[in-house]
PDB file of N, CA and C in Angstrom:
ATOM      1  N   GLN A   1      -7.319 -18.180  -4.310  1.00  0.00           N
ATOM      2  CA  GLN A   1      -6.991 -17.405  -2.852  1.00  0.00           C
ATOM      3  C   GLN A   1      -5.648 -16.289  -3.063  1.00  0.00           C
ATOM      4  N   VAL A   2      -5.991 -15.598  -1.908  1.00  0.00           N
ATOM      5  CA  VAL A   2      -4.933 -15.037  -1.640  1.00  0.00           C
ATOM      6  C   VAL A   2      -4.562 -14.281  -0.408  1.00  0.00           C
ATOM      7  N   GLN A   3      -3.521 -14.373   0.360  1.00  0.00           N
ATOM      8  CA  GLN A   3      -3.712 -13.946   1.735  1.00  0.00           C
ATOM      9  C   GLN A   3      -3.016 -12.630   1.771  1.00  0.00           C
ATOM     10  N   LEU A   4      -3.467 -11.753   2.922  1.00  0.00           N
ATOM     11  CA  LEU A   4      -2.109 -10.645   2.370  1.00  0.00           C
ATOM     12  C   LEU A   4      -2.080  -9.782   4.007  1.00  0.00           C
ATOM     13  N   VAL A   5      -1.187 -10.481   4.072  1.00  0.00           N
ATOM     14  CA  VAL A   5      -0.232  -9.498   4.970  1.00  0.00           C
ATOM     15  C   VAL A   5       0.468  -7.942   5.473  1.00  0.00           C
ATOM     16  N   GLU A   6      -0.321  -6.663   5.631  1.00  0.00           N
ATOM     17  CA  GLU A   6       1.037  -5.716   6.139  1.00  0.00           C
ATOM     18  C   GLU A   6       1.154  -5.385   7.050  1.00  0.00           C
ATOM     19  N   SER A   7       2.346  -5.055   7.258  1.00  0.00           N
ATOM     20  CA  SER A   7       3.045  -4.262   8.486  1.00  0.00           C
ATOM     21  C   SER A   7       3.927  -3.268   8.124  1.00  0.00           C
ATOM     22  N   GLY A   8       4.142  -2.762   9.132  1.00  0.00           N
ATOM     23  CA  GLY A   8       5.030  -1.365   9.174  1.00  0.00           C
ATOM     24  C   GLY A   8       4.673  -0.935   9.392  1.00  0.00           C
ATOM     25  N   GLY A   9       3.155  -0.157   9.670  1.00  0.00           N
ATOM     26  CA  GLY A   9       2.682   1.078  10.496  1.00  0.00           C
ATOM     27  C   GLY A   9       3.363   1.451  11.600  1.00  0.00           C
ATOM     28  N   GLY A  10       2.838   2.463  12.285  1.00  0.00           N
ATOM     29  CA  GLY A  10       2.634   3.358  12.986  1.00  0.00           C
ATOM     30  C   GLY A  10       2.814   4.578  13.553  1.00  0.00           C
ATOM     31  N   LEU A  11       3.222   4.855  15.097  1.00  0.00           N
ATOM     32  CA  LEU A  11       2.961   6.565  14.759  1.00  0.00           C
ATOM     33  C   LEU A  11       4.806   7.117  14.870  1.00  0.00           C
ATOM     34  N   VAL A  12       4.186   8.520  13.845  1.00  0.00           N
ATOM     35  CA  VAL A  12       5.541   9.238  13.016  1.00  0.00           C
ATOM     36  C   VAL A  12       5.419  10.592  13.236  1.00  0.00           C
ATOM     37  N   GLN A  13       5.912  10.909  13.270  1.00  0.00           N
ATOM     38  CA  GLN A  13       5.721  12.845  13.211  1.00  0.00           C
ATOM     39  C   GLN A  13       5.649  13.195  12.124  1.00  0.00           C
ATOM     40  N   ALA A  14       4.954  14.206  12.336  1.00  0.00           N
ATOM     41  CA  ALA A  14       4.907  14.645  10.229  1.00  0.00           C
ATOM     42  C   ALA A  14       6.677  14.971   9.767  1.00  0.00           C
ATOM     43  N   GLY A  15       6.688  14.771   8.730  1.00  0.00           N
ATOM     44  CA  GLY A  15       8.143  14.741   7.818  1.00  0.00           C
ATOM     45  C   GLY A  15       8.808  13.597   7.975  1.00  0.00           C
ATOM     46  N   ASP A  16       8.268  12.504   8.774  1.00  0.00           N
ATOM     47  CA  ASP A  16       9.020  11.609   9.124  1.00  0.00           C
ATOM     48  C   ASP A  16       8.597  10.341   7.370  1.00  0.00           C
ATOM     49  N   SER A  17       9.507   9.905   7.639  1.00  0.00           N
ATOM     50  CA  SER A  17       9.040   8.760   6.406  1.00  0.00           C
ATOM     51  C   SER A  17       8.553   7.193   7.577  1.00  0.00           C
ATOM     52  N   LEU A  18       8.189   6.085   6.215  1.00  0.00           N
ATOM     53  CA  LEU A  18       7.401   5.131   6.753  1.00  0.00           C
ATOM     54  C   LEU A  18       7.882   3.886   5.876  1.00  0.00           C
ATOM     55  N   LYS A  19       7.991   2.338   6.290  1.00  0.00           N
ATOM     56  CA  LYS A  19       8.229   1.615   4.740  1.00  0.00           C
ATOM     57  C   LYS A  19       7.320   0.375   5.346  1.00  0.00           C
ATOM     58  N   LEU A  20       5.581   0.728   4.063  1.00  0.00           N
ATOM     59  CA  LEU A  20       4.772  -0.475   4.832  1.00  0.00           C
ATOM     60  C   LEU A  20       5.007  -1.941   3.585  1.00  0.00           C
ATOM     61  N   SER A  21       4.802  -2.810   4.609  1.00  0.00           N
ATOM     62  CA  SER A  21       5.260  -4.184   3.819  1.00  0.00           C
ATOM     63  C   SER A  21       4.093  -4.933   3.790  1.00  0.00           C
ATOM     64  N   CYS A  22       3.790  -5.730   2.346  1.00  0.00           N
ATOM     65  CA  CYS A  22       2.347  -6.169   2.202  1.00  0.00           C
ATOM     66  C   CYS A  22       3.376  -7.840   1.748  1.00  0.00           C
ATOM     67  N   VAL A  23       3.183  -9.164   2.458  1.00  0.00           N
ATOM     68  CA  VAL A  23       3.472 -10.054   2.539  1.00  0.00           C
ATOM     69  C   VAL A  23       2.502 -11.083   1.406  1.00  0.00           C
ATOM     70  N   ALA A  24       2.216 -11.477   0.489  1.00  0.00           N
ATOM     71  CA  ALA A  24       1.416 -12.257  -0.433  1.00  0.00           C
ATOM     72  C   ALA A  24       1.623 -14.030   0.053  1.00  0.00           C
ATOM     73  N   SER A  25       0.386 -15.054   0.194  1.00  0.00           N
ATOM     74  CA  SER A  25       0.884 -16.099   0.156  1.00  0.00           C
ATOM     75  C   SER A  25      -0.795 -16.183  -0.636  1.00  0.00           C
ATOM     76  N   GLY A  26      -0.189 -17.941  -1.501  1.00  0.00           N
ATOM     77  CA  GLY A  26      -1.736 -18.213  -1.752  1.00  0.00           C
ATOM     78  C   GLY A  26      -1.017 -18.455  -4.005  1.00  0.00           C
ATOM     79  N   ARG A  27      -2.448 -17.467  -4.172  1.00  0.00           N
ATOM     80  CA  ARG A  27      -2.333 -17.371  -5.509  1.00  0.00           C
ATOM     81  C   ARG A  27      -0.943 -17.320  -6.085  1.00  0.00           C
ATOM     82  N   THR A  28      -0.116 -17.092  -7.128  1.00  0.00           N
ATOM     83  CA  THR A  28       1.308 -16.736  -7.513  1.00  0.00           C
ATOM     84  C   THR A  28       1.337 -15.583  -7.531  1.00  0.00           C
ATOM     85  N   PHE A  29       1.436 -15.323  -6.883  1.00  0.00           N
ATOM     86  CA  PHE A  29       1.719 -13.494  -6.365  1.00  0.00           C
ATOM     87  C   PHE A  29       2.425 -12.329  -7.804  1.00  0.00           C
ATOM     88  N   SER A  30       3.945 -13.048  -8.691  1.00  0.00           N
ATOM     89  CA  SER A  30       3.869 -12.238  -9.399  1.00  0.00           C
ATOM     90  C   SER A  30       3.018 -12.293 -10.472  1.00  0.00           C
ATOM     91  N   SER A  31       1.758 -13.289 -10.611  1.00  0.00           N
ATOM     92  CA  SER A  31       0.754 -12.608 -11.605  1.00  0.00           C
ATOM     93  C   SER A  31      -0.152 -11.533 -11.481  1.00  0.00           C
ATOM     94  N   GLU A  32       0.127 -11.055 -10.000  1.00  0.00           N
ATOM     95  CA  GLU A  32      -0.960 -10.121 -10.089  1.00  0.00           C
ATOM     96  C   GLU A  32      -1.056  -8.074  -9.977  1.00  0.00           C
ATOM     97  N   THR A  33      -1.659  -7.695 -10.582  1.00  0.00           N
ATOM     98  CA  THR A  33      -1.412  -6.278 -10.077  1.00  0.00           C
ATOM     99  C   THR A  33      -1.902  -6.672  -8.792  1.00  0.00           C
ATOM    100  N   MET A  34      -1.010  -5.588  -8.195  1.00  0.00           N
ATOM    101  CA  MET A  34      -1.409  -4.740  -6.571  1.00  0.00           C
ATOM    102  C   MET A  34      -1.347  -3.512  -6.606  1.00  0.00           C
ATOM    103  N   GLY A  35      -1.861  -3.299  -5.227  1.00  0.00           N
ATOM    104  CA  GLY A  35      -2.447  -1.949  -4.978  1.00  0.00           C
ATOM    105  C   GLY A  35      -1.646  -1.298  -3.399  1.00  0.00           C
ATOM    106  N   TRP A  36      -2.057  -0.099  -3.165  1.00  0.00           N
ATOM    107  CA  TRP A  36      -2.362   0.277  -1.621  1.00  0.00           C
ATOM    108  C   TRP A  36      -3.464   1.135  -1.730  1.00  0.00           C
ATOM    109  N   PHE A  37      -4.290   1.093  -0.656  1.00  0.00           N
ATOM    110  CA  PHE A  37      -5.455   1.645  -0.350  1.00  0.00           C
ATOM    111  C   PHE A  37      -4.979   2.426   0.899  1.00  0.00           C
ATOM    112  N   ARG A  38      -5.819   3.709   1.263  1.00  0.00           N
ATOM    113  CA  ARG A  38      -5.988   3.644   2.155  1.00  0.00           C
ATOM    114  C   ARG A  38      -7.341   4.400   3.194  1.00  0.00           C
ATOM    115  N   GLN A  39      -8.026   4.824   3.932  1.00  0.00           N
ATOM    116  CA  GLN A  39      -9.358   4.568   4.609  1.00  0.00           C
ATOM    117  C   GLN A  39      -9.049   5.660   5.836  1.00  0.00           C
ATOM    118  N   ALA A  40      -9.123   6.751   5.907  1.00  0.00           N
ATOM    119  CA  ALA A  40      -9.283   7.757   7.108  1.00  0.00           C
ATOM    120  C   ALA A  40     -10.438   7.503   8.258  1.00  0.00           C
ATOM    121  N   PRO A  41     -10.123   8.415   9.500  1.00  0.00           N
ATOM    122  CA  PRO A  41     -11.425   7.953  10.104  1.00  0.00           C
ATOM    123  C   PRO A  41     -12.687   8.880   9.734  1.00  0.00           C
ATOM    124  N   GLY A  42     -13.368   8.141   9.058  1.00  0.00           N
ATOM    125  CA  GLY A  42     -15.079   9.147   8.949  1.00  0.00           C
ATOM    126  C   GLY A  42     -15.466   9.209   7.328  1.00  0.00           C
ATOM    127  N   LYS A  43     -13.856   8.676   6.493  1.00  0.00           N
ATOM    128  CA  LYS A  43     -13.649   9.025   4.865  1.00  0.00           C
ATOM    129  C   LYS A  43     -14.221   7.771   4.350  1.00  0.00           C
ATOM    130  N   GLU A  44     -14.134   7.572   2.890  1.00  0.00           N
ATOM    131  CA  GLU A  44     -14.665   6.176   2.055  1.00  0.00           C
ATOM    132  C   GLU A  44     -12.897   5.894   1.800  1.00  0.00           C
ATOM    133  N   ARG A  45     -12.856   4.379   1.965  1.00  0.00           N
ATOM    134  CA  ARG A  45     -11.811   4.204   1.335  1.00  0.00           C
ATOM    135  C   ARG A  45     -10.825   4.554  -0.259  1.00  0.00           C
ATOM    136  N   GLU A  46      -9.937   5.076  -0.088  1.00  0.00           N
ATOM    137  CA  GLU A  46      -9.356   5.951  -1.114  1.00  0.00           C
ATOM    138  C   GLU A  46      -7.726   4.632  -1.552  1.00  0.00           C
ATOM    139  N   PHE A  47      -8.098   5.113  -2.639  1.00  0.00           N
ATOM    140  CA  PHE A  47      -6.621   4.770  -3.745  1.00  0.00           C
ATOM    141  C   PHE A  47      -5.127   5.638  -3.499  1.00  0.00           C
ATOM    142  N   VAL A  48      -4.164   4.275  -3.165  1.00  0.00           N
ATOM    143  CA  VAL A  48      -2.965   5.418  -2.996  1.00  0.00           C
ATOM    144  C   VAL A  48      -2.464   5.327  -3.983  1.00  0.00           C
ATOM    145  N   ALA A  49      -1.889   3.761  -4.664  1.00  0.00           N
ATOM    146  CA  ALA A  49      -0.899   3.689  -5.407  1.00  0.00           C
ATOM    147  C   ALA A  49      -1.095   1.419  -6.122  1.00  0.00           C
ATOM    148  N   GLN A  50      -0.719   1.778  -7.265  1.00  0.00           N
ATOM    149  CA  GLN A  50      -0.753   0.422  -7.988  1.00  0.00           C
ATOM    150  C   GLN A  50       0.825   0.018  -8.881  1.00  0.00           C
ATOM    151  N   ILE A  51       1.093  -1.191  -8.496  1.00  0.00           N
ATOM    152  CA  ILE A  51       2.622  -1.697  -9.442  1.00  0.00           C
ATOM    153  C   ILE A  51       1.782  -2.850 -10.206  1.00  0.00           C
ATOM    154  N   THR A  52       2.344  -2.796 -11.670  1.00  0.00           N
ATOM    155  CA  THR A  52       1.957  -4.209 -12.280  1.00  0.00           C
ATOM    156  C   THR A  52       2.447  -5.423 -11.908  1.00  0.00           C
ATOM    157  N   ARG A  53       2.326  -6.498 -12.277  1.00  0.00           N
ATOM    158  CA  ARG A  53       2.957  -7.430 -12.610  1.00  0.00           C
ATOM    159  C   ARG A  53       4.336  -7.687 -11.990  1.00  0.00           C
ATOM    160  N   ASP A  54       5.262  -7.180 -13.052  1.00  0.00           N
ATOM    161  CA  ASP A  54       6.436  -7.072 -13.490  1.00  0.00           C
ATOM    162  C   ASP A  54       6.800  -6.156 -12.715  1.00  0.00           C
ATOM    163  N   GLY A  55       6.004  -4.992 -12.417  1.00  0.00           N
ATOM    164  CA  GLY A  55       7.155  -3.784 -11.753  1.00  0.00           C
ATOM    165  C   GLY A  55       7.057  -3.684 -12.353  1.00  0.00           C
ATOM    166  N   GLY A  56       6.653  -3.222 -13.453  1.00  0.00           N
ATOM    167  CA  GLY A  56       7.232  -1.715 -14.436  1.00  0.00           C
ATOM    168  C   GLY A  56       6.640  -0.917 -15.346  1.00  0.00           C
ATOM    169  N   THR A  57       5.482  -0.555 -13.868  1.00  0.00           N
ATOM    170  CA  THR A  57       4.041   0.677 -14.224  1.00  0.00           C
ATOM    171  C   THR A  57       3.517   0.294 -13.201  1.00  0.00           C
ATOM    172  N   THR A  58       4.058   2.186 -12.366  1.00  0.00           N
ATOM    173  CA  THR A  58       3.268   2.650 -11.374  1.00  0.00           C
ATOM    174  C   THR A  58       2.636   3.345 -11.514  1.00  0.00           C
ATOM    175  N   TYR A  59       0.828   3.487 -10.720  1.00  0.00           N
ATOM    176  CA  TYR A  59       0.280   4.541 -10.675  1.00  0.00           C
ATOM    177  C   TYR A  59       0.231   5.346  -9.265  1.00  0.00           C
ATOM    178  N   TYR A  60      -0.365   6.558  -9.110  1.00  0.00           N
ATOM    179  CA  TYR A  60      -0.279   7.369  -8.452  1.00  0.00           C
ATOM    180  C   TYR A  60      -1.701   7.827  -7.845  1.00  0.00           C
ATOM    181  N   ALA A  61      -1.898   8.059  -6.810  1.00  0.00           N
ATOM    182  CA  ALA A  61      -3.124   9.336  -6.728  1.00  0.00           C
ATOM    183  C   ALA A  61      -2.176  10.980  -6.467  1.00  0.00           C
ATOM    184  N   ASP A  62      -2.893  11.630  -7.106  1.00  0.00           N
ATOM    185  CA  ASP A  62      -2.100  12.810  -7.675  1.00  0.00           C
ATOM    186  C   ASP A  62      -1.522  13.241  -5.870  1.00  0.00           C
ATOM    187  N   SER A  63      -2.153  13.203  -4.772  1.00  0.00           N
ATOM    188  CA  SER A  63      -2.020  13.865  -3.452  1.00  0.00           C
ATOM    189  C   SER A  63      -0.628  13.136  -2.978  1.00  0.00           C
ATOM    190  N   MET A  64       0.010  11.926  -3.752  1.00  0.00           N
ATOM    191  CA  MET A  64       1.010  11.487  -2.734  1.00  0.00           C
ATOM    192  C   MET A  64       1.917  11.458  -4.475  1.00  0.00           C
ATOM    193  N   LYS A  65       1.552  11.210  -5.055  1.00  0.00           N
ATOM    194  CA  LYS A  65       2.866  11.349  -6.274  1.00  0.00           C
ATOM    195  C   LYS A  65       3.983  11.560  -6.353  1.00  0.00           C
ATOM    196  N   CYS A  66       5.053  12.363  -5.322  1.00  0.00           N
ATOM    197  CA  CYS A  66       5.794  13.374  -5.146  1.00  0.00           C
ATOM    198  C   CYS A  66       5.970  12.496  -4.149  1.00  0.00           C
ATOM    199  N   ARG A  67       5.624  11.597  -3.004  1.00  0.00           N
ATOM    200  CA  ARG A  67       5.483  11.560  -1.681  1.00  0.00           C
ATOM    201  C   ARG A  67       6.609   9.665  -1.140  1.00  0.00           C
ATOM    202  N   PHE A  68       5.112   8.943  -2.395  1.00  0.00           N
ATOM    203  CA  PHE A  68       5.072   7.911  -2.673  1.00  0.00           C
ATOM    204  C   PHE A  68       5.986   6.727  -3.187  1.00  0.00           C
ATOM    205  N   ILE A  69       6.620   5.781  -2.973  1.00  0.00           N
ATOM    206  CA  ILE A  69       6.714   4.937  -3.791  1.00  0.00           C
ATOM    207  C   ILE A  69       6.215   4.002  -3.892  1.00  0.00           C
ATOM    208  N   ILE A  70       6.203   2.941  -4.735  1.00  0.00           N
ATOM    209  CA  ILE A  70       5.537   1.431  -4.662  1.00  0.00           C
ATOM    210  C   ILE A  70       6.010   0.742  -5.487  1.00  0.00           C
ATOM    211  N   SER A  71       6.987  -0.674  -4.694  1.00  0.00           N
ATOM    212  CA  SER A  71       7.615  -1.324  -5.596  1.00  0.00           C
ATOM    213  C   SER A  71       6.950  -2.820  -4.448  1.00  0.00           C
ATOM    214  N   ARG A  72       7.755  -3.603  -5.556  1.00  0.00           N
ATOM    215  CA  ARG A  72       7.646  -4.755  -5.130  1.00  0.00           C
ATOM    216  C   ARG A  72       8.830  -5.940  -5.609  1.00  0.00           C
ATOM    217  N   ASP A  73       8.865  -6.956  -4.193  1.00  0.00           N
ATOM    218  CA  ASP A  73      10.101  -8.092  -4.546  1.00  0.00           C
ATOM    219  C   ASP A  73       9.313  -9.462  -5.103  1.00  0.00           C
ATOM    220  N   ASN A  74       8.919  -9.528  -6.071  1.00  0.00           N
ATOM    221  CA  ASN A  74       8.152 -11.052  -6.458  1.00  0.00           C
ATOM    222  C   ASN A  74       9.309 -12.354  -5.770  1.00  0.00           C
ATOM    223  N   ALA A  75       9.996 -11.885  -5.564  1.00  0.00           N
ATOM    224  CA  ALA A  75      10.998 -13.374  -5.297  1.00  0.00           C
ATOM    225  C   ALA A  75      10.910 -13.279  -3.835  1.00  0.00           C
ATOM    226  N   LYS A  76      10.183 -12.682  -2.955  1.00  0.00           N
ATOM    227  CA  LYS A  76      10.021 -12.753  -1.452  1.00  0.00           C
ATOM    228  C   LYS A  76       8.173 -12.625  -1.526  1.00  0.00           C
ATOM    229  N   ASN A  77       7.681 -12.234  -2.687  1.00  0.00           N
ATOM    230  CA  ASN A  77       6.240 -12.294  -3.080  1.00  0.00           C
ATOM    231  C   ASN A  77       5.625 -10.773  -1.949  1.00  0.00           C
ATOM    232  N   THR A  78       6.399  -9.838  -1.621  1.00  0.00           N
ATOM    233  CA  THR A  78       5.947  -8.846  -1.364  1.00  0.00           C
ATOM    234  C   THR A  78       5.977  -7.717  -2.006  1.00  0.00           C
ATOM    235  N   VAL A  79       5.323  -6.884  -1.299  1.00  0.00           N
ATOM    236  CA  VAL A  79       4.897  -5.643  -2.590  1.00  0.00           C
ATOM    237  C   VAL A  79       5.113  -4.242  -0.830  1.00  0.00           C
ATOM    238  N   TYR A  80       5.658  -3.186  -1.572  1.00  0.00           N
ATOM    239  CA  TYR A  80       5.874  -2.602  -0.416  1.00  0.00           C
ATOM    240  C   TYR A  80       5.421  -1.065  -0.872  1.00  0.00           C
ATOM    241  N   LEU A  81       5.217  -0.305   0.098  1.00  0.00           N
ATOM    242  CA  LEU A  81       5.175   1.576   0.016  1.00  0.00           C
ATOM    243  C   LEU A  81       6.181   2.403   0.717  1.00  0.00           C
ATOM    244  N   GLN A  82       6.760   3.109   0.075  1.00  0.00           N
ATOM    245  CA  GLN A  82       7.910   4.117   0.684  1.00  0.00           C
ATOM    246  C   GLN A  82       7.478   5.597   0.756  1.00  0.00           C
ATOM    247  N   MET A  83       6.804   5.600   2.290  1.00  0.00           N
ATOM    248  CA  MET A  83       6.209   7.297   2.338  1.00  0.00           C
ATOM    249  C   MET A  83       7.343   7.816   2.613  1.00  0.00           C
ATOM    250  N   ASN A  84       7.236   9.304   2.590  1.00  0.00           N
ATOM    251  CA  ASN A  84       8.078  10.336   2.718  1.00  0.00           C
ATOM    252  C   ASN A  84       7.027  11.520   3.256  1.00  0.00           C
ATOM    253  N   THR A  85       8.441  12.035   3.453  1.00  0.00           N
ATOM    254  CA  THR A  85       7.337  13.637   4.126  1.00  0.00           C
ATOM    255  C   THR A  85       5.918  13.438   4.358  1.00  0.00           C
ATOM    256  N   LEU A  86       5.810  12.523   5.434  1.00  0.00           N
ATOM    257  CA  LEU A  86       4.542  11.958   5.561  1.00  0.00           C
ATOM    258  C   LEU A  86       3.999  13.453   6.596  1.00  0.00           C
ATOM    259  N   LYS A  87       2.776  13.616   6.335  1.00  0.00           N
ATOM    260  CA  LYS A  87       1.676  14.547   6.877  1.00  0.00           C
ATOM    261  C   LYS A  87       0.557  14.084   7.714  1.00  0.00           C
ATOM    262  N   PRO A  88       0.245  15.148   8.673  1.00  0.00           N
ATOM    263  CA  PRO A  88      -1.280  14.637   9.393  1.00  0.00           C
ATOM    264  C   PRO A  88      -2.322  13.986   8.742  1.00  0.00           C
ATOM    265  N   GLU A  89      -2.272  14.357   7.492  1.00  0.00           N
ATOM    266  CA  GLU A  89      -3.743  14.616   6.401  1.00  0.00           C
ATOM    267  C   GLU A  89      -3.113  12.645   5.810  1.00  0.00           C
ATOM    268  N   ASP A  90      -2.225  11.756   6.037  1.00  0.00           N
ATOM    269  CA  ASP A  90      -1.788  10.707   5.512  1.00  0.00           C
ATOM    270  C   ASP A  90      -2.405   9.769   6.919  1.00  0.00           C
ATOM    271  N   THR A  91      -2.523  10.495   7.937  1.00  0.00           N
ATOM    272  CA  THR A  91      -3.692   9.279   9.312  1.00  0.00           C
ATOM    273  C   THR A  91      -4.545   8.438   8.646  1.00  0.00           C
ATOM    274  N   ALA A  92      -4.524   7.380   8.179  1.00  0.00           N
ATOM    275  CA  ALA A  92      -5.148   5.923   7.687  1.00  0.00           C
ATOM    276  C   ALA A  92      -4.945   5.032   8.134  1.00  0.00           C
ATOM    277  N   VAL A  93      -5.653   3.740   7.993  1.00  0.00           N
ATOM    278  CA  VAL A  93      -5.294   2.631   7.893  1.00  0.00           C
ATOM    279  C   VAL A  93      -4.829   2.146   6.431  1.00  0.00           C
ATOM    280  N   TYR A  94      -3.481   1.467   5.948  1.00  0.00           N
ATOM    281  CA  TYR A  94      -3.616   1.448   4.844  1.00  0.00           C
ATOM    282  C   TYR A  94      -3.514  -0.389   4.399  1.00  0.00           C
ATOM    283  N   TYR A  95      -4.700  -0.373   3.438  1.00  0.00           N
ATOM    284  CA  TYR A  95      -4.300  -1.568   3.351  1.00  0.00           C
ATOM    285  C   TYR A  95      -4.218  -1.900   2.104  1.00  0.00           C
ATOM    286  N   CYS A  96      -3.640  -3.603   1.737  1.00  0.00           N
ATOM    287  CA  CYS A  96      -2.816  -4.155   0.730  1.00  0.00           C
ATOM    288  C   CYS A  96      -3.948  -4.855   0.003  1.00  0.00           C
ATOM    289  N   ALA A  97      -3.957  -4.708  -1.084  1.00  0.00           N
ATOM    290  CA  ALA A  97      -5.261  -5.603  -1.784  1.00  0.00           C
ATOM    291  C   ALA A  97      -4.291  -6.451  -3.122  1.00  0.00           C
ATOM    292  N   ALA A  98      -5.206  -6.461  -3.801  1.00  0.00           N
ATOM    293  CA  ALA A  98      -4.261  -7.679  -4.674  1.00  0.00           C
ATOM    294  C   ALA A  98      -5.569  -7.911  -5.889  1.00  0.00           C
ATOM    295  N   ALA A  99      -5.073  -7.385  -7.156  1.00  0.00           N
ATOM    296  CA  ALA A  99      -6.268  -7.332  -8.330  1.00  0.00           C
ATOM    297  C   ALA A  99      -6.443  -8.297  -9.799  1.00  0.00           C
ATOM    298  N   PRO A 100      -6.616  -9.778  -9.436  1.00  0.00           N
ATOM    299  CA  PRO A 100      -6.499 -10.887 -10.154  1.00  0.00           C
ATOM    300  C   PRO A 100      -7.288 -10.543 -11.690  1.00  0.00           C
ATOM    301  N   GLY A 101      -7.006 -10.349 -12.272  1.00  0.00           N
ATOM    302  CA  GLY A 101      -8.253  -9.919 -13.718  1.00  0.00           C
ATOM    303  C   GLY A 101      -8.656  -8.327 -13.707  1.00  0.00           C
ATOM    304  N   GLY A 102      -7.735  -7.965 -13.181  1.00  0.00           N
ATOM    305  CA  GLY A 102      -7.876  -6.322 -13.084  1.00  0.00           C
ATOM    306  C   GLY A 102      -8.684  -5.940 -12.075  1.00  0.00           C
ATOM    307  N   ILE A 103      -9.555  -7.267 -11.186  1.00  0.00           N
ATOM    308  CA  ILE A 103     -10.233  -6.117 -10.190  1.00  0.00           C
ATOM    309  C   ILE A 103      -9.989  -6.300  -8.973  1.00  0.00           C
ATOM    310  N   TYR A 104      -9.824  -5.309  -7.709  1.00  0.00           N
ATOM    311  CA  TYR A 104      -9.479  -5.756  -6.391  1.00  0.00           C
ATOM    312  C   TYR A 104      -9.876  -6.330  -5.395  1.00  0.00           C
ATOM    313  N   SER A 105      -9.838  -7.791  -5.529  1.00  0.00           N
ATOM    314  CA  SER A 105     -10.583  -8.563  -4.874  1.00  0.00           C
ATOM    315  C   SER A 105     -10.232  -9.590  -3.128  1.00  0.00           C
ATOM    316  N   TYR A 106      -9.074  -8.962  -3.119  1.00  0.00           N
ATOM    317  CA  TYR A 106      -8.143  -9.819  -2.022  1.00  0.00           C
ATOM    318  C   TYR A 106      -7.691  -8.679  -1.130  1.00  0.00           C
ATOM    319  N   TRP A 107      -7.851  -8.421  -0.086  1.00  0.00           N
ATOM    320  CA  TRP A 107      -7.177  -7.214   0.456  1.00  0.00           C
ATOM    321  C   TRP A 107      -7.064  -8.108   2.276  1.00  0.00           C
ATOM    322  N   GLY A 108      -5.759  -7.053   2.421  1.00  0.00           N
ATOM    323  CA  GLY A 108      -5.103  -7.033   3.774  1.00  0.00           C
ATOM    324  C   GLY A 108      -5.972  -6.781   4.648  1.00  0.00           C
ATOM    325  N   GLN A 109      -5.895  -7.313   6.293  1.00  0.00           N
ATOM    326  CA  GLN A 109      -6.205  -6.424   7.411  1.00  0.00           C
ATOM    327  C   GLN A 109      -6.273  -5.128   7.809  1.00  0.00           C
ATOM    328  N   GLY A 110      -5.368  -4.344   6.984  1.00  0.00           N
ATOM    329  CA  GLY A 110      -4.550  -2.892   7.118  1.00  0.00           C
ATOM    330  C   GLY A 110      -3.570  -3.056   8.186  1.00  0.00           C
ATOM    331  N   THR A 111      -3.126  -1.926   8.354  1.00  0.00           N
ATOM    332  CA  THR A 111      -1.942  -1.612   9.390  1.00  0.00           C
ATOM    333  C   THR A 111      -2.169   0.133   9.329  1.00  0.00           C
ATOM    334  N   GLN A 112      -2.294   0.782  10.865  1.00  0.00           N
ATOM    335  CA  GLN A 112      -2.535   1.798  10.921  1.00  0.00           C
ATOM    336  C   GLN A 112      -1.054   2.639  10.931  1.00  0.00           C
ATOM    337  N   VAL A 113      -1.284   4.022  10.189  1.00  0.00           N
ATOM    338  CA  VAL A 113      -0.213   4.496  10.074  1.00  0.00           C
ATOM    339  C   VAL A 113      -1.243   5.736  10.659  1.00  0.00           C
ATOM    340  N   THR A 114      -0.632   6.855  11.662  1.00  0.00           N
ATOM    341  CA  THR A 114      -0.227   7.683  12.361  1.00  0.00           C
ATOM    342  C   THR A 114       0.788   8.734  12.008  1.00  0.00           C
ATOM    343  N   VAL A 115       0.009   9.724  11.914  1.00  0.00           N
ATOM    344  CA  VAL A 115       0.816  11.287  11.521  1.00  0.00           C
ATOM    345  C   VAL A 115       0.697  12.352  12.866  1.00  0.00           C
ATOM    346  N   SER A 116       1.689  12.762  13.674  1.00  0.00           N
ATOM    347  CA  SER A 116       1.510  13.467  14.777  1.00  0.00           C
ATOM    348  C   SER A 116       1.968  14.789  13.876  1.00  0.00           C
ATOM    349  N   SER A 117       1.319  16.132  14.486  1.00  0.00           N
ATOM    350  CA  SER A 117       1.595  17.435  14.323  1.00  0.00           C
ATOM    351  C   SER A 117       3.274  17.827  14.600  1.00  0.00           C
TER     352      SER A 117
END
């Protein structure tokens, strides 16, 4: 079992930056691939970024590749999402997830990010 708690969301203006954090507890955090997803109002949940358990490899959705950075600190059981040059279309609830065995099966409760124009 993995418990995930996100934080760092809020209301910002277009062009601002924001850093989300996700603290994990339960299973061995350092053995899990971790990811960030988001869900905007009226839309399906979409993939944002993923990081392998050692932090050596990252993947991004094309629309976020140049603006967002995923990282992790296994000593702190924490994964981060640095979001730069935010746009109103980035407004969504952002979720942290863990993927034991390669399947995202543990999810946090989400943190709201609102970007005003």
